[in-house]
Amino acid sequence: MAFMRVVIQRVVSASVSATEGRYAAIGPGLLVLLGIASDDGDIDIEWMIRKIAALRIFNDSSGKMNFSLQETQGEVMVVSQFTLYADTGRGNRPGFSGSASFDHALPIYDRFVRKLEQKLEKPVMTGWYGADMQVTLVNDGPVTLIIDSPQSL
């Protein structure tokens, strides 16, 4: 059994670009790198979105991480990242059999973004699923977290 995995980076700014002049950018907020496993579904999406929205990783006036994304009204960018499931246990070439197939993952990615927009009541910027992208970010803190949805969902 696998689980949905995200790498969250608190950022001052982030951008993503791809071929044909595609470009998206955000200001202060979160860059979310989203890995989808073959058995992920709506339960994983709901759990992860609640966690991302409520996670207290933004500083208060004392410099303590006391505020959530919802409280700060920060921006969000979600970028698909199948390589979060790299298996490097054997040999030197990573295997990605833990990642969901393109056909399974794309609708989950789309639902994840839509539900995150609903939860935050604002648009969420994205990369382009399956595209070769270049991601640029200025990490704030730096604060970087890896979160897996519980396997017991």
Protein backbone atom coordinates (compact mmCIF):
# COMPACT_ATOMS: atom_id res chain seq x y z
CA MET A 1 0.00 0.00 0.00
CA ALA A 2 1.33 3.43 -0.96
CA PHE A 3 0.40 6.92 0.13
CA MET A 4 0.15 10.40 -1.31
CA ARG A 5 3.37 12.33 -0.78
CA VAL A 6 4.06 16.06 -0.87
CA VAL A 7 7.13 18.16 -0.37
CA ILE A 8 6.06 21.58 0.87
CA GLN A 9 8.40 24.54 0.71
CA ARG A 10 7.57 27.86 2.31
CA VAL A 11 8.62 30.40 -0.28
CA VAL A 12 9.15 34.10 -0.78
CA SER A 13 8.45 33.42 -4.46
CA ALA A 14 8.28 30.51 -6.88
CA SER A 15 7.81 30.08 -10.61
CA VAL A 16 7.51 27.30 -13.14
CA SER A 17 8.12 27.42 -16.86
CA ALA A 18 7.82 24.96 -19.70
CA THR A 19 8.01 24.88 -23.47
CA GLU A 20 5.94 27.14 -25.69
CA GLY A 21 6.33 30.09 -23.31
CA ARG A 22 4.22 28.62 -20.51
CA TYR A 23 4.94 30.38 -17.22
CA ALA A 24 3.30 30.68 -13.78
CA ALA A 25 4.49 32.41 -10.61
CA ILE A 26 3.49 33.11 -7.01
CA GLY A 27 4.60 35.44 -4.27
CA PRO A 28 4.88 34.50 -0.58
CA GLY A 29 3.23 31.18 0.25
CA LEU A 30 3.80 27.50 -0.48
CA LEU A 31 5.28 25.50 -3.31
CA VAL A 32 3.73 22.01 -3.18
CA LEU A 33 5.46 19.20 -5.06
CA LEU A 34 2.82 16.46 -5.38
CA GLY A 35 3.58 12.76 -5.77
CA ILE A 36 0.68 10.42 -6.49
CA ALA A 37 0.83 6.68 -5.84
CA SER A 38 -1.10 4.05 -7.75
CA ASP A 39 -3.76 3.56 -5.08
CA ASP A 40 -4.29 7.21 -4.09
CA GLY A 41 -7.81 8.58 -4.27
CA ASP A 42 -10.25 11.12 -2.90
CA ILE A 43 -9.64 10.17 0.75
CA ASP A 44 -5.92 10.94 0.35
CA ILE A 45 -6.74 14.20 -1.44
CA GLU A 46 -9.10 15.37 1.32
CA TRP A 47 -6.64 14.47 4.10
CA MET A 48 -3.70 16.17 2.39
CA ILE A 49 -5.61 19.35 1.58
CA ARG A 50 -6.82 19.73 5.16
CA LYS A 51 -3.22 19.25 6.35
CA ILE A 52 -1.71 21.76 3.89
CA ALA A 53 -4.32 24.45 4.58
CA ALA A 54 -4.06 24.18 8.38
CA LEU A 55 -0.34 23.51 8.81
CA ARG A 56 1.11 26.22 11.04
CA ILE A 57 4.39 27.04 9.31
CA PHE A 58 4.20 30.81 8.86
CA ASN A 59 5.81 33.10 11.41
CA ASP A 60 4.00 35.36 13.84
CA SER A 61 5.49 38.67 15.02
CA SER A 62 7.72 36.75 17.46
CA GLY A 63 9.18 34.60 14.71
CA LYS A 64 7.35 31.44 15.85
CA MET A 65 5.57 29.26 13.34
CA ASN A 66 2.00 29.93 14.50
CA PHE A 67 0.06 30.80 11.34
CA SER A 68 -1.41 28.61 8.63
CA LEU A 69 -1.75 29.23 4.92
CA GLN A 70 -5.43 30.00 5.46
CA GLU A 71 -4.58 32.62 8.09
CA THR A 72 -1.85 34.32 6.07
CA GLN A 73 -3.73 34.22 2.75
CA GLY A 74 -0.47 33.08 1.13
CA GLU A 75 -0.31 31.95 -2.47
CA VAL A 76 0.10 28.33 -3.56
CA MET A 77 1.67 26.57 -6.51
CA VAL A 78 1.23 22.82 -7.09
CA VAL A 79 3.67 20.98 -9.34
CA SER A 80 3.41 17.27 -10.15
CA GLN A 81 6.47 15.32 -9.04
CA PHE A 82 6.39 11.57 -9.81
CA THR A 83 10.07 11.33 -8.86
CA LEU A 84 9.08 11.59 -5.17
CA TYR A 85 8.56 7.82 -5.42
CA ALA A 86 12.06 7.05 -6.69
CA ASP A 87 13.29 3.62 -5.60
CA THR A 88 17.07 3.80 -5.34
CA GLY A 89 17.52 0.54 -3.42
CA ARG A 90 19.11 -1.39 -6.27
CA GLY A 91 21.59 -0.13 -8.82
CA ASN A 92 22.13 3.47 -9.77
CA ARG A 93 19.09 4.13 -11.95
CA PRO A 94 16.01 5.04 -9.92
CA GLY A 95 12.85 3.05 -10.48
CA PHE A 96 9.44 4.69 -10.37
CA SER A 97 7.05 1.75 -10.08
CA GLY A 98 5.58 3.30 -6.90
CA SER A 99 4.27 6.27 -8.87
CA ALA A 100 0.80 6.16 -10.36
CA SER A 101 0.49 5.82 -14.12
CA PHE A 102 -0.16 8.99 -16.12
CA ASP A 103 -3.78 7.99 -16.81
CA HIS A 104 -4.49 7.32 -13.13
CA ALA A 105 -2.57 10.30 -11.72
CA LEU A 106 -3.75 13.11 -14.00
CA PRO A 107 -7.38 13.15 -12.80
CA ILE A 108 -6.21 12.91 -9.18
CA TYR A 109 -3.84 15.84 -9.73
CA ASP A 110 -6.67 17.87 -11.28
CA ARG A 111 -9.05 17.04 -8.39
CA PHE A 112 -6.33 17.89 -5.86
CA VAL A 113 -5.86 21.35 -7.37
CA ARG A 114 -9.62 22.03 -7.65
CA LYS A 115 -10.29 20.93 -4.06
CA LEU A 116 -7.35 22.99 -2.75
CA GLU A 117 -8.76 26.04 -4.54
CA GLN A 118 -12.15 25.38 -2.93
CA LYS A 119 -10.61 24.97 0.52
CA LEU A 120 -8.53 28.15 0.24
CA GLU A 121 -11.22 30.05 -1.69
CA LYS A 122 -8.64 31.35 -4.16
CA PRO A 123 -6.89 30.27 -7.36
CA VAL A 124 -3.94 27.87 -7.11
CA MET A 125 -1.15 28.17 -9.67
CA THR A 126 0.13 24.98 -11.26
CA GLY A 127 2.70 23.48 -13.48
CA TRP A 128 1.62 21.34 -16.46
CA TYR A 129 1.11 17.68 -15.70
CA GLY A 130 3.58 15.49 -17.55
CA ALA A 131 5.57 18.41 -18.97
CA ASP A 132 9.30 18.95 -18.69
CA MET A 133 9.35 21.97 -16.38
CA GLN A 134 11.86 24.27 -14.76
CA VAL A 135 10.96 25.29 -11.22
CA THR A 136 12.58 28.27 -9.52
CA LEU A 137 12.03 29.20 -5.91
CA VAL A 138 13.29 31.33 -3.07
CA ASN A 139 12.83 29.16 0.02
CA ASP A 140 11.77 31.14 3.09
CA GLY A 141 13.47 30.04 6.28
CA PRO A 142 14.34 27.63 4.77
CA VAL A 143 11.24 25.62 5.63
CA THR A 144 10.80 22.34 3.74
CA LEU A 145 8.52 19.52 4.91
CA ILE A 146 7.79 16.05 3.56
CA ILE A 147 4.26 14.84 4.30
CA ASP A 148 2.78 11.43 3.53
CA SER A 149 -0.92 10.69 3.85
CA PRO A 150 -1.57 8.02 6.49
CA GLN A 151 -1.64 4.49 5.14
CA SER A 152 -4.63 3.69 7.34
CA LEU A 153 -7.06 6.00 5.51
